[in-house]
Every structure is written in C-alpha cells, then in structure tokens.
Amino acid sequence: MIAGGDKLIVALDTVDAGLARAWAEAVCPYAGLLKLGLEFYLANGGAGVARIAGAPIFLDLKLHDIPNTVAGAVRAVLPLKPRMLTVHASGGSAMIRAACQAAAGAGPERPMILAVTVLTNLNQDDLNATGIPSAPPEQVLRLGRLAAEAGADGLVCSPLEVAMLRQALGPAVRLVVPGIRPEGSAAGDQVRIMTPAQAIAAGADWIVVGRPITGAADPAAAAAGIAADIL
C-alpha cells in the first residue's frame, strides 16, 4: 500500500457484487479499508460481503434498535470479521453498550464499534424538522460524548466537527470521516464537506471517499491520488 493509503476508506456503494469486487481489486493497493453499506448487505447478504477481498471491511449498517436487537445483530455479523461496524449514537447509551459487549465476544478479532453522530447530508433545518433544536456541531458533540462514555471505539462525523471532537474528547476516540470531496468534485447529496487533506489536518483518523473514486474513469488512479494527498 502506498503511504497515506492506510487512512483512506473507499466506499463501495452499489448493490452489484461483481462491480464491488472489481472496484475492490482496483483500489486495494491504495486503501486501508473497504466500506460496504446497507444497500450492498441487503442485496447480497453475508456471503456477498465475504467475497469482497483485498482489504479489511468496514461494515456500515448503522444499526439502530433496542439494545437486545442491536446486540443480536452485532453477533450475527461477527463471522464476517469486519474491522469496523456502525451503530447510530442516537440509539442511546444502553444500545451502544450492548453493541460493544456483543462485539467483545469476538475476542482479539472484534470489530471497532463506531457511533454515527449526525449524517453528513443533514443541516440545521433538517435537525429542526425532526424536533432537535441544536445546531449540527452541538448535536454532534452531545452524541459524541454520550457514545464515548458508553464505550464506543470511535465516531463517524462530518469533517466540519473533527477539530471540535478532537479537542473535546482527546486522541483516544477514533474519528472516521465521510463527506470528503477532493478539490473540484461535485458535492452530490453531501452538505458538510471538506477536502481529504483538510480533514486529515483537522484530526481525522480515516476518511471515507466513495463516488469521487468509484465514479472516476480510473478508480485506481483516483484512489492513488487521494492517498498521496493525505501523506
């Protein structure tokens, strides 16, 4: 892997298992992890996940249910040996603790439990519409503290909140950051965005990049360019 690639997570956002495998093969030399989300998992199941090879898997299912159900869901995917697994921080302390306890059952190979704070496509108006009066940074910090105290290994946040969380929570909490757009890339449905180099400089441990890589004419070259940018 080239220098900088260990900080890059490539999001394979598709339901097409063959396409996902092709992307994985192309970008693996330049990526530390491969992210598979809910759409891929629902379309292809655990067997589809198991066939994506070349780098550790970040299984981004954003689990959110009562603690017992989330714990059961975590145990159900442990045989896939994901390196990372997401839950929604808004599920509360008991749910996050249940996920962490279930993950511990895998022993040394347990996945990191990451708590998703506020999705990167949401802004102030979106939060207000759901009855949350806080601005996105306030809500991210509130949920980040709750998740860290409940035992989450890390947080998923937009790049705009990285520096704030790093200052408030210190270096132990790992920060995984989507909403990354290289200079000149279209924002798409992302609202709170930053370039790869800016996010790493702010304190992100990993950045997640999807469409700017998988939608490029040459995904391998796009991944290589981003990895080189975050040395």
Protein backbone atom coordinates (compact mmCIF):
# COMPACT_ATOMS: atom_id res chain seq x y z
CA MET A 1 0.00 0.00 0.00
CA ILE A 2 1.32 3.47 -0.81
CA ALA A 3 1.89 5.95 2.01
CA GLY A 4 -1.32 7.68 3.05
CA GLY A 5 -3.48 4.79 1.91
CA ASP A 6 -3.86 3.41 5.42
CA LYS A 7 -6.00 6.47 6.21
CA LEU A 8 -8.28 6.02 3.20
CA ILE A 9 -11.53 4.04 3.30
CA VAL A 10 -13.14 3.52 -0.10
CA ALA A 11 -16.93 3.24 -0.06
CA LEU A 12 -18.18 0.56 -2.48
CA ASP A 13 -21.73 1.89 -2.71
CA THR A 14 -23.53 -0.48 -5.07
CA VAL A 15 -25.84 -3.49 -4.98
CA ASP A 16 -23.85 -5.13 -7.79
CA ALA A 17 -21.48 -7.64 -6.19
CA GLY A 18 -19.44 -8.03 -9.35
CA LEU A 19 -18.93 -4.29 -9.66
CA ALA A 20 -18.00 -4.05 -5.98
CA ARG A 21 -15.39 -6.78 -6.41
CA ALA A 22 -13.95 -5.01 -9.46
CA TRP A 23 -13.71 -1.72 -7.56
CA ALA A 24 -12.11 -3.52 -4.61
CA GLU A 25 -9.46 -5.08 -6.82
CA ALA A 26 -8.70 -1.70 -8.40
CA VAL A 27 -8.39 0.36 -5.22
CA CYS A 28 -6.97 -2.11 -2.69
CA PRO A 29 -3.33 -1.07 -3.26
CA TYR A 30 -4.28 2.45 -2.18
CA ALA A 31 -6.87 1.88 0.59
CA GLY A 32 -6.72 0.78 4.21
CA LEU A 33 -10.33 -0.44 4.32
CA LEU A 34 -13.29 -1.07 2.04
CA LYS A 35 -16.71 0.14 3.17
CA LEU A 36 -19.83 -1.88 2.40
CA GLY A 37 -23.14 -0.32 3.35
CA LEU A 38 -26.72 -1.30 3.97
CA GLU A 39 -27.71 -1.46 0.30
CA PHE A 40 -24.94 -3.93 -0.52
CA TYR A 41 -25.62 -6.04 2.58
CA LEU A 42 -29.36 -6.28 1.92
CA ALA A 43 -28.81 -7.19 -1.73
CA ASN A 44 -26.00 -9.70 -1.23
CA GLY A 45 -26.05 -10.81 2.41
CA GLY A 46 -23.11 -12.07 4.37
CA ALA A 47 -21.96 -14.28 1.50
CA GLY A 48 -21.57 -11.20 -0.69
CA VAL A 49 -19.55 -9.42 1.98
CA ALA A 50 -17.27 -12.44 2.38
CA ARG A 51 -16.43 -12.34 -1.33
CA ILE A 52 -15.02 -8.79 -1.18
CA ALA A 53 -11.31 -9.36 -0.67
CA GLY A 54 -8.09 -7.40 -0.58
CA ALA A 55 -8.53 -5.15 2.46
CA PRO A 56 -10.35 -5.20 5.81
CA ILE A 57 -14.07 -4.49 5.67
CA PHE A 58 -15.88 -1.56 7.25
CA LEU A 59 -19.47 -2.80 7.52
CA ASP A 60 -21.56 0.36 7.62
CA LEU A 61 -25.01 -0.89 8.67
CA LYS A 62 -25.84 1.98 11.06
CA LEU A 63 -27.70 -0.29 13.47
CA HIS A 64 -30.44 1.42 15.49
CA ASP A 65 -32.93 -0.57 17.57
CA ILE A 66 -33.50 -1.71 21.14
CA PRO A 67 -30.30 -2.90 22.86
CA ASN A 68 -31.13 -6.60 22.69
CA THR A 69 -31.84 -6.47 18.96
CA VAL A 70 -28.69 -4.49 18.18
CA ALA A 71 -26.59 -6.88 20.26
CA GLY A 72 -28.05 -9.79 18.30
CA ALA A 73 -27.36 -8.05 15.00
CA VAL A 74 -23.74 -7.46 16.00
CA ARG A 75 -23.30 -11.12 16.94
CA ALA A 76 -24.89 -12.13 13.62
CA VAL A 77 -22.21 -10.36 11.56
CA LEU A 78 -19.18 -11.28 13.69
CA PRO A 79 -18.40 -14.33 11.48
CA LEU A 80 -17.73 -11.87 8.64
CA LYS A 81 -14.88 -10.39 10.71
CA PRO A 82 -15.50 -6.73 9.86
CA ARG A 83 -12.80 -4.36 11.09
CA MET A 84 -15.43 -1.67 11.79
CA LEU A 85 -19.19 -1.72 12.38
CA THR A 86 -21.53 1.24 12.82
CA VAL A 87 -24.44 1.97 15.13
CA HIS A 88 -26.41 5.20 15.48
CA ALA A 89 -25.34 7.22 18.52
CA SER A 90 -28.93 8.46 18.79
CA GLY A 91 -29.90 4.92 19.84
CA GLY A 92 -28.67 5.80 23.32
CA SER A 93 -26.11 4.65 25.86
CA ALA A 94 -27.67 1.26 26.60
CA MET A 95 -27.81 0.35 22.92
CA ILE A 96 -24.20 1.37 22.33
CA ARG A 97 -23.02 -0.57 25.38
CA ALA A 98 -24.93 -3.64 24.18
CA ALA A 99 -23.25 -3.39 20.77
CA CYS A 100 -19.81 -3.09 22.36
CA GLN A 101 -20.43 -6.05 24.68
CA ALA A 102 -21.62 -8.19 21.77
CA ALA A 103 -18.58 -7.22 19.69
CA ALA A 104 -16.29 -8.22 22.57
CA GLY A 105 -17.46 -11.79 22.03
CA ALA A 106 -15.16 -11.98 19.01
CA GLY A 107 -12.12 -11.56 21.23
CA PRO A 108 -8.99 -10.09 19.61
CA GLU A 109 -10.72 -10.00 16.23
CA ARG A 110 -13.65 -7.94 17.48
CA PRO A 111 -14.77 -5.07 15.25
CA MET A 112 -14.44 -1.47 16.29
CA ILE A 113 -17.88 -0.11 17.19
CA LEU A 114 -18.31 3.30 15.62
CA ALA A 115 -21.20 5.55 16.62
CA VAL A 116 -22.68 7.70 13.86
CA THR A 117 -23.38 11.20 15.15
CA VAL A 118 -25.19 13.44 12.62
CA LEU A 119 -25.34 12.32 8.98
CA THR A 120 -23.31 14.48 6.61
CA ASN A 121 -26.33 15.31 4.43
CA LEU A 122 -28.18 17.00 7.32
CA ASN A 123 -28.13 20.71 8.13
CA GLN A 124 -29.74 22.95 10.75
CA ASP A 125 -33.15 22.95 9.07
CA ASP A 126 -33.14 19.16 8.83
CA LEU A 127 -32.41 18.80 12.54
CA ASN A 128 -35.08 21.36 13.44
CA ALA A 129 -37.64 19.47 11.34
CA THR A 130 -37.05 16.36 13.46
CA GLY A 131 -37.51 18.27 16.72
CA ILE A 132 -33.83 18.80 17.51
CA PRO A 133 -33.24 22.49 18.25
CA SER A 134 -29.43 22.23 18.34
CA ALA A 135 -27.10 23.22 15.54
CA PRO A 136 -25.25 20.28 13.96
CA PRO A 137 -21.98 20.87 15.88
CA GLU A 138 -23.80 20.95 19.23
CA GLN A 139 -25.69 17.74 18.45
CA VAL A 140 -22.54 16.01 17.20
CA LEU A 141 -20.69 16.90 20.39
CA ARG A 142 -23.60 15.77 22.59
CA LEU A 143 -23.86 12.44 20.81
CA GLY A 144 -20.09 12.04 20.62
CA ARG A 145 -19.72 12.40 24.38
CA LEU A 146 -22.60 10.01 25.00
CA ALA A 147 -21.11 7.38 22.69
CA ALA A 148 -17.59 7.68 24.09
CA GLU A 149 -18.87 7.32 27.65
CA ALA A 150 -20.87 4.24 26.58
CA GLY A 151 -17.69 2.57 25.30
CA ALA A 152 -17.75 3.20 21.54
CA ASP A 153 -14.33 2.86 19.95
CA GLY A 154 -14.91 5.78 17.65
CA LEU A 155 -17.30 8.16 15.98
CA VAL A 156 -18.50 8.90 12.48
CA CYS A 157 -18.81 12.65 11.96
CA SER A 158 -18.59 15.22 9.21
CA PRO A 159 -15.18 16.83 8.64
CA LEU A 160 -16.50 20.13 10.00
CA GLU A 161 -16.76 18.64 13.50
CA VAL A 162 -13.43 16.80 13.62
CA ALA A 163 -11.36 19.52 15.29
CA MET A 164 -14.09 20.18 17.86
CA LEU A 165 -14.41 16.49 18.78
CA ARG A 166 -10.65 16.01 18.93
CA GLN A 167 -10.31 18.92 21.34
CA ALA A 168 -13.26 17.80 23.49
CA LEU A 169 -12.64 14.04 23.57
CA GLY A 170 -8.89 13.72 23.10
CA PRO A 171 -6.85 11.31 20.96
CA ALA A 172 -8.30 8.01 22.21
CA VAL A 173 -11.60 8.28 20.32
CA ARG A 174 -11.08 7.35 16.68
CA LEU A 175 -12.73 9.60 14.12
CA VAL A 176 -13.98 8.19 10.80
CA VAL A 177 -14.99 10.96 8.44
CA PRO A 178 -17.26 10.82 5.36
CA GLY A 179 -18.34 13.94 3.49
CA ILE A 180 -14.95 14.09 1.75
CA ARG A 181 -14.75 15.73 -1.63
CA PRO A 182 -11.44 16.33 -3.46
CA GLU A 183 -10.94 19.83 -4.84
CA GLY A 184 -13.24 20.31 -7.83
CA SER A 185 -15.50 17.32 -7.09
CA ALA A 186 -19.28 17.69 -7.02
CA ALA A 187 -20.76 17.76 -3.50
CA GLY A 188 -23.66 15.50 -4.51
CA ASP A 189 -26.00 14.95 -1.57
CA GLN A 190 -23.35 15.89 1.00
CA VAL A 191 -23.76 19.17 2.86
CA ARG A 192 -20.95 19.34 5.44
CA ILE A 193 -17.84 18.59 3.38
CA MET A 194 -14.06 19.12 3.27
CA THR A 195 -11.13 18.03 1.09
CA PRO A 196 -9.11 14.92 2.06
CA ALA A 197 -6.05 16.86 3.18
CA GLN A 198 -8.14 19.33 5.21
CA ALA A 199 -9.92 16.53 7.07
CA ILE A 200 -6.69 14.73 7.97
CA ALA A 201 -5.11 18.01 9.08
CA ALA A 202 -8.14 18.64 11.33
CA GLY A 203 -7.56 15.32 13.12
CA ALA A 204 -9.45 12.61 11.22
CA ASP A 205 -8.05 9.10 11.68
CA TRP A 206 -9.68 7.81 8.49
CA ILE A 207 -11.51 9.50 5.64
CA VAL A 208 -14.29 7.80 3.65
CA VAL A 209 -14.47 8.50 -0.08
CA GLY A 210 -16.98 6.92 -2.44
CA ARG A 211 -18.21 8.49 -5.65
CA PRO A 212 -15.11 10.63 -6.38
CA ILE A 213 -13.25 7.31 -6.65
CA THR A 214 -15.80 4.77 -7.86
CA GLY A 215 -17.35 7.23 -10.30
CA ALA A 216 -13.99 8.16 -11.82
CA ALA A 217 -12.90 6.91 -15.24
CA ASP A 218 -9.95 5.26 -13.48
CA PRO A 219 -10.87 4.39 -9.87
CA ALA A 220 -7.35 3.14 -9.11
CA ALA A 221 -5.78 6.42 -10.20
CA ALA A 222 -8.37 8.42 -8.26
CA ALA A 223 -7.69 6.41 -5.08
CA ALA A 224 -3.92 6.73 -5.59
CA GLY A 225 -4.24 10.50 -5.95
CA ILE A 226 -6.22 10.87 -2.73
CA ALA A 227 -3.86 8.58 -0.81
CA ALA A 228 -0.92 10.67 -1.99
CA ASP A 229 -2.73 13.83 -0.89
CA ILE A 230 -3.03 12.68 2.73
CA LEU A 231 0.57 11.65 3.44
